[in-house]
N, C-alpha and C. Protein backbone atom coordinates (compact mmCIF):
# COMPACT_ATOMS: atom_id res chain seq x y z
N MET A 1 -48.41 33.87 -1.31
CA MET A 1 -49.05 35.14 -1.58
C MET A 1 -49.69 35.67 -0.28
N SER A 2 -49.50 36.94 -0.01
CA SER A 2 -49.99 37.52 1.23
C SER A 2 -51.48 37.87 1.13
N MET A 3 -52.07 38.12 2.28
CA MET A 3 -53.47 38.54 2.32
C MET A 3 -53.63 39.87 1.57
N ILE A 4 -52.66 40.76 1.76
CA ILE A 4 -52.73 42.05 1.06
C ILE A 4 -52.76 41.83 -0.45
N ASP A 5 -51.88 40.95 -0.94
CA ASP A 5 -51.86 40.66 -2.38
C ASP A 5 -53.22 40.12 -2.85
N ASN A 6 -53.78 39.19 -2.06
CA ASN A 6 -55.09 38.62 -2.43
C ASN A 6 -56.16 39.69 -2.46
N PHE A 7 -56.20 40.53 -1.43
CA PHE A 7 -57.22 41.58 -1.37
C PHE A 7 -57.02 42.62 -2.47
N GLU A 8 -55.77 42.98 -2.74
CA GLU A 8 -55.49 43.95 -3.81
C GLU A 8 -55.91 43.39 -5.17
N ARG A 9 -55.71 42.10 -5.36
CA ARG A 9 -56.12 41.47 -6.61
C ARG A 9 -57.65 41.50 -6.75
N MET A 10 -58.35 41.25 -5.65
CA MET A 10 -59.81 41.32 -5.66
C MET A 10 -60.28 42.74 -6.00
N LEU A 11 -59.62 43.72 -5.41
CA LEU A 11 -59.97 45.12 -5.67
C LEU A 11 -59.73 45.47 -7.14
N ALA A 12 -58.60 45.04 -7.67
CA ALA A 12 -58.27 45.29 -9.08
C ALA A 12 -59.26 44.62 -10.02
N ALA A 13 -59.85 43.51 -9.56
CA ALA A 13 -60.82 42.79 -10.38
C ALA A 13 -62.22 43.41 -10.29
N GLY A 14 -62.34 44.51 -9.53
CA GLY A 14 -63.63 45.20 -9.46
C GLY A 14 -64.53 44.75 -8.33
N GLN A 15 -63.99 44.04 -7.37
CA GLN A 15 -64.81 43.53 -6.27
C GLN A 15 -64.81 44.49 -5.07
N ASP A 16 -64.81 45.78 -5.34
CA ASP A 16 -64.76 46.79 -4.29
C ASP A 16 -65.99 46.72 -3.38
N SER A 17 -65.76 46.80 -2.09
CA SER A 17 -66.84 46.80 -1.11
C SER A 17 -66.30 47.35 0.21
N PRO A 18 -67.18 47.78 1.10
CA PRO A 18 -66.70 48.25 2.41
C PRO A 18 -65.91 47.16 3.16
N LEU A 19 -66.37 45.91 3.08
CA LEU A 19 -65.68 44.83 3.77
C LEU A 19 -64.28 44.61 3.20
N LEU A 20 -64.16 44.66 1.89
CA LEU A 20 -62.85 44.48 1.28
C LEU A 20 -61.92 45.62 1.67
N ARG A 21 -62.41 46.84 1.65
CA ARG A 21 -61.58 47.99 2.04
C ARG A 21 -61.20 47.90 3.51
N TYR A 22 -62.13 47.48 4.36
CA TYR A 22 -61.84 47.29 5.79
C TYR A 22 -60.75 46.24 5.96
N SER A 23 -60.88 45.14 5.25
CA SER A 23 -59.89 44.06 5.34
C SER A 23 -58.52 44.52 4.88
N LEU A 24 -58.47 45.28 3.80
CA LEU A 24 -57.20 45.84 3.33
C LEU A 24 -56.62 46.79 4.38
N GLY A 25 -57.47 47.62 4.96
CA GLY A 25 -57.01 48.54 6.00
C GLY A 25 -56.42 47.80 7.19
N LEU A 26 -57.09 46.74 7.61
CA LEU A 26 -56.56 45.94 8.72
C LEU A 26 -55.19 45.35 8.39
N GLU A 27 -55.08 44.77 7.22
CA GLU A 27 -53.83 44.11 6.83
C GLU A 27 -52.69 45.12 6.67
N TYR A 28 -52.98 46.26 6.05
CA TYR A 28 -51.93 47.28 5.95
C TYR A 28 -51.54 47.79 7.33
N GLY A 29 -52.49 47.92 8.22
CA GLY A 29 -52.18 48.34 9.58
C GLY A 29 -51.28 47.34 10.29
N LYS A 30 -51.59 46.06 10.14
CA LYS A 30 -50.75 45.01 10.73
C LYS A 30 -49.33 45.05 10.18
N ALA A 31 -49.22 45.45 8.91
CA ALA A 31 -47.91 45.51 8.26
C ALA A 31 -47.17 46.82 8.58
N GLY A 32 -47.80 47.69 9.38
CA GLY A 32 -47.17 48.95 9.75
C GLY A 32 -47.28 50.02 8.68
N GLU A 33 -48.08 49.76 7.66
CA GLU A 33 -48.28 50.74 6.58
C GLU A 33 -49.56 51.53 6.86
N HIS A 34 -49.47 52.40 7.86
CA HIS A 34 -50.65 53.08 8.37
C HIS A 34 -51.26 54.07 7.37
N ALA A 35 -50.45 54.72 6.57
CA ALA A 35 -50.99 55.64 5.56
C ALA A 35 -51.84 54.87 4.54
N ARG A 36 -51.37 53.70 4.14
CA ARG A 36 -52.15 52.87 3.21
C ARG A 36 -53.42 52.37 3.90
N ALA A 37 -53.31 52.03 5.18
CA ALA A 37 -54.48 51.59 5.94
C ALA A 37 -55.53 52.69 5.96
N VAL A 38 -55.09 53.93 6.22
CA VAL A 38 -56.01 55.07 6.25
C VAL A 38 -56.75 55.20 4.93
N GLU A 39 -56.03 55.08 3.84
CA GLU A 39 -56.63 55.20 2.50
C GLU A 39 -57.80 54.23 2.33
N HIS A 40 -57.58 52.98 2.67
CA HIS A 40 -58.62 51.96 2.48
C HIS A 40 -59.75 52.09 3.50
N LEU A 41 -59.40 52.44 4.73
CA LEU A 41 -60.43 52.58 5.76
C LEU A 41 -61.31 53.79 5.48
N ARG A 42 -60.72 54.87 4.98
CA ARG A 42 -61.54 56.03 4.59
C ARG A 42 -62.53 55.62 3.50
N ASN A 43 -62.05 54.83 2.56
CA ASN A 43 -62.93 54.38 1.49
C ASN A 43 -64.06 53.51 2.04
N ALA A 44 -63.75 52.67 3.02
CA ALA A 44 -64.77 51.80 3.62
C ALA A 44 -65.88 52.63 4.25
N VAL A 45 -65.51 53.68 5.01
CA VAL A 45 -66.54 54.48 5.68
C VAL A 45 -67.25 55.43 4.71
N GLU A 46 -66.60 55.77 3.60
CA GLU A 46 -67.30 56.54 2.57
C GLU A 46 -68.38 55.68 1.93
N GLN A 47 -68.07 54.42 1.69
CA GLN A 47 -69.04 53.50 1.09
C GLN A 47 -70.14 53.13 2.07
N ASP A 48 -69.79 53.02 3.36
CA ASP A 48 -70.77 52.65 4.39
C ASP A 48 -70.50 53.47 5.65
N PRO A 49 -71.12 54.65 5.76
CA PRO A 49 -70.88 55.52 6.92
C PRO A 49 -71.30 54.91 8.26
N GLY A 50 -72.07 53.85 8.23
CA GLY A 50 -72.49 53.19 9.47
C GLY A 50 -71.58 52.06 9.91
N TYR A 51 -70.46 51.88 9.26
CA TYR A 51 -69.54 50.76 9.51
C TYR A 51 -68.65 51.11 10.71
N SER A 52 -69.16 50.87 11.91
CA SER A 52 -68.48 51.31 13.12
C SER A 52 -67.10 50.67 13.30
N ALA A 53 -66.94 49.42 12.91
CA ALA A 53 -65.63 48.77 13.04
C ALA A 53 -64.59 49.46 12.17
N ALA A 54 -65.01 49.90 10.99
CA ALA A 54 -64.08 50.61 10.10
C ALA A 54 -63.73 51.98 10.67
N TRP A 55 -64.69 52.65 11.29
CA TRP A 55 -64.39 53.94 11.94
C TRP A 55 -63.36 53.74 13.05
N LYS A 56 -63.54 52.68 13.82
CA LYS A 56 -62.61 52.40 14.92
C LYS A 56 -61.20 52.18 14.40
N GLN A 57 -61.08 51.37 13.37
CA GLN A 57 -59.76 51.10 12.79
C GLN A 57 -59.18 52.35 12.13
N LEU A 58 -60.04 53.15 11.50
CA LEU A 58 -59.57 54.40 10.89
C LEU A 58 -59.01 55.33 11.95
N GLY A 59 -59.70 55.45 13.07
CA GLY A 59 -59.19 56.28 14.16
C GLY A 59 -57.82 55.82 14.62
N GLY A 60 -57.65 54.52 14.77
CA GLY A 60 -56.36 53.98 15.19
C GLY A 60 -55.27 54.22 14.16
N ALA A 61 -55.59 54.04 12.90
CA ALA A 61 -54.60 54.24 11.84
C ALA A 61 -54.20 55.71 11.75
N LEU A 62 -55.17 56.60 11.88
CA LEU A 62 -54.86 58.02 11.86
C LEU A 62 -53.97 58.41 13.04
N ALA A 63 -54.28 57.85 14.20
CA ALA A 63 -53.44 58.12 15.38
C ALA A 63 -52.02 57.64 15.13
N GLU A 64 -51.87 56.49 14.50
CA GLU A 64 -50.54 55.95 14.20
C GLU A 64 -49.76 56.84 13.23
N THR A 65 -50.47 57.54 12.35
CA THR A 65 -49.78 58.43 11.42
C THR A 65 -49.49 59.80 12.03
N GLY A 66 -49.95 60.00 13.27
CA GLY A 66 -49.71 61.27 13.95
C GLY A 66 -50.81 62.30 13.74
N ASP A 67 -51.90 61.90 13.11
CA ASP A 67 -53.02 62.80 12.86
C ASP A 67 -54.04 62.67 13.99
N ALA A 68 -53.73 63.29 15.13
CA ALA A 68 -54.61 63.19 16.30
C ALA A 68 -55.98 63.81 16.03
N GLU A 69 -56.01 64.95 15.34
CA GLU A 69 -57.29 65.60 15.03
C GLU A 69 -58.17 64.70 14.17
N GLY A 70 -57.55 64.10 13.15
CA GLY A 70 -58.29 63.19 12.29
C GLY A 70 -58.79 61.97 13.04
N ALA A 71 -57.95 61.46 13.95
CA ALA A 71 -58.34 60.30 14.75
C ALA A 71 -59.52 60.64 15.65
N ILE A 72 -59.47 61.81 16.27
CA ILE A 72 -60.56 62.23 17.14
C ILE A 72 -61.86 62.32 16.34
N ALA A 73 -61.80 62.93 15.16
CA ALA A 73 -62.99 63.05 14.31
C ALA A 73 -63.52 61.68 13.91
N ALA A 74 -62.61 60.76 13.57
CA ALA A 74 -63.04 59.41 13.18
C ALA A 74 -63.70 58.69 14.34
N TYR A 75 -63.11 58.80 15.54
CA TYR A 75 -63.72 58.15 16.70
C TYR A 75 -65.09 58.75 17.01
N GLU A 76 -65.22 60.06 16.88
CA GLU A 76 -66.52 60.69 17.15
C GLU A 76 -67.58 60.19 16.17
N LYS A 77 -67.23 60.11 14.91
CA LYS A 77 -68.17 59.60 13.90
C LYS A 77 -68.44 58.11 14.14
N GLY A 78 -67.40 57.39 14.54
CA GLY A 78 -67.56 55.97 14.82
C GLY A 78 -68.47 55.71 16.00
N ILE A 79 -68.35 56.53 17.04
CA ILE A 79 -69.23 56.38 18.21
C ILE A 79 -70.68 56.59 17.79
N GLU A 80 -70.89 57.62 16.99
CA GLU A 80 -72.25 57.90 16.50
C GLU A 80 -72.78 56.72 15.67
N ALA A 81 -71.95 56.20 14.78
CA ALA A 81 -72.36 55.06 13.95
C ALA A 81 -72.66 53.84 14.82
N ALA A 82 -71.80 53.58 15.80
CA ALA A 82 -72.00 52.42 16.68
C ALA A 82 -73.28 52.57 17.49
N GLU A 83 -73.52 53.77 18.02
CA GLU A 83 -74.73 53.98 18.81
C GLU A 83 -75.98 53.82 17.95
N ASN A 84 -75.92 54.28 16.71
CA ASN A 84 -77.07 54.13 15.81
C ASN A 84 -77.37 52.67 15.51
N LYS A 85 -76.33 51.83 15.53
CA LYS A 85 -76.51 50.39 15.28
C LYS A 85 -76.79 49.61 16.56
N GLY A 86 -76.64 50.26 17.72
CA GLY A 86 -76.80 49.55 18.98
C GLY A 86 -75.57 48.75 19.36
N ASP A 87 -74.43 49.07 18.77
CA ASP A 87 -73.17 48.37 19.04
C ASP A 87 -72.47 49.05 20.22
N LYS A 88 -72.93 48.72 21.41
CA LYS A 88 -72.44 49.38 22.62
C LYS A 88 -70.97 49.13 22.89
N GLN A 89 -70.50 47.94 22.61
CA GLN A 89 -69.09 47.61 22.87
C GLN A 89 -68.16 48.45 22.00
N ALA A 90 -68.47 48.57 20.73
CA ALA A 90 -67.62 49.37 19.84
C ALA A 90 -67.63 50.83 20.27
N ALA A 91 -68.79 51.35 20.64
CA ALA A 91 -68.88 52.73 21.10
C ALA A 91 -68.05 52.93 22.36
N LYS A 92 -68.13 51.98 23.27
CA LYS A 92 -67.36 52.06 24.52
C LYS A 92 -65.86 52.07 24.24
N GLU A 93 -65.41 51.17 23.37
CA GLU A 93 -63.99 51.11 23.04
C GLU A 93 -63.51 52.41 22.41
N MET A 94 -64.30 52.95 21.48
CA MET A 94 -63.89 54.19 20.82
C MET A 94 -63.88 55.36 21.80
N ARG A 95 -64.77 55.36 22.79
CA ARG A 95 -64.74 56.42 23.80
C ARG A 95 -63.44 56.38 24.59
N VAL A 96 -62.97 55.18 24.89
CA VAL A 96 -61.69 55.04 25.62
C VAL A 96 -60.55 55.59 24.76
N PHE A 97 -60.50 55.20 23.49
CA PHE A 97 -59.44 55.69 22.60
C PHE A 97 -59.53 57.21 22.44
N LEU A 98 -60.74 57.72 22.35
CA LEU A 98 -60.96 59.16 22.21
C LEU A 98 -60.43 59.91 23.43
N LYS A 99 -60.75 59.41 24.61
CA LYS A 99 -60.27 60.06 25.84
C LYS A 99 -58.75 60.09 25.91
N ARG A 100 -58.12 59.02 25.48
CA ARG A 100 -56.65 58.96 25.48
C ARG A 100 -56.07 60.03 24.58
N LEU A 101 -56.69 60.26 23.44
CA LEU A 101 -56.19 61.26 22.49
C LEU A 101 -56.44 62.68 22.97
N GLN A 102 -57.49 62.87 23.74
CA GLN A 102 -57.86 64.21 24.18
C GLN A 102 -57.09 64.66 25.41
N ARG A 103 -56.26 63.84 25.99
CA ARG A 103 -55.49 64.20 27.17
C ARG A 103 -54.38 65.16 26.84
């Protein structure tokens, strides 16, 4: 049984949380299913707008789907969330990804 199957079963059982949605987003992204990743990562940041790691992954997944505008918006929100938490490394990484998209 795959990680996606395990996480989907947890979600179906009512164990919804930002971490579970983030984990599903990561796994779908690894599997190349970026639209599915976006769905779960959006849910993660809706549940926890301060979840900077989820914003970072959401930006990447959106970029993979060809939604550069959405990716830029996600990175901008992610940078703000990371700075509010004092997560300098995540903010720095998202700034690099943001600059690449804005070229």
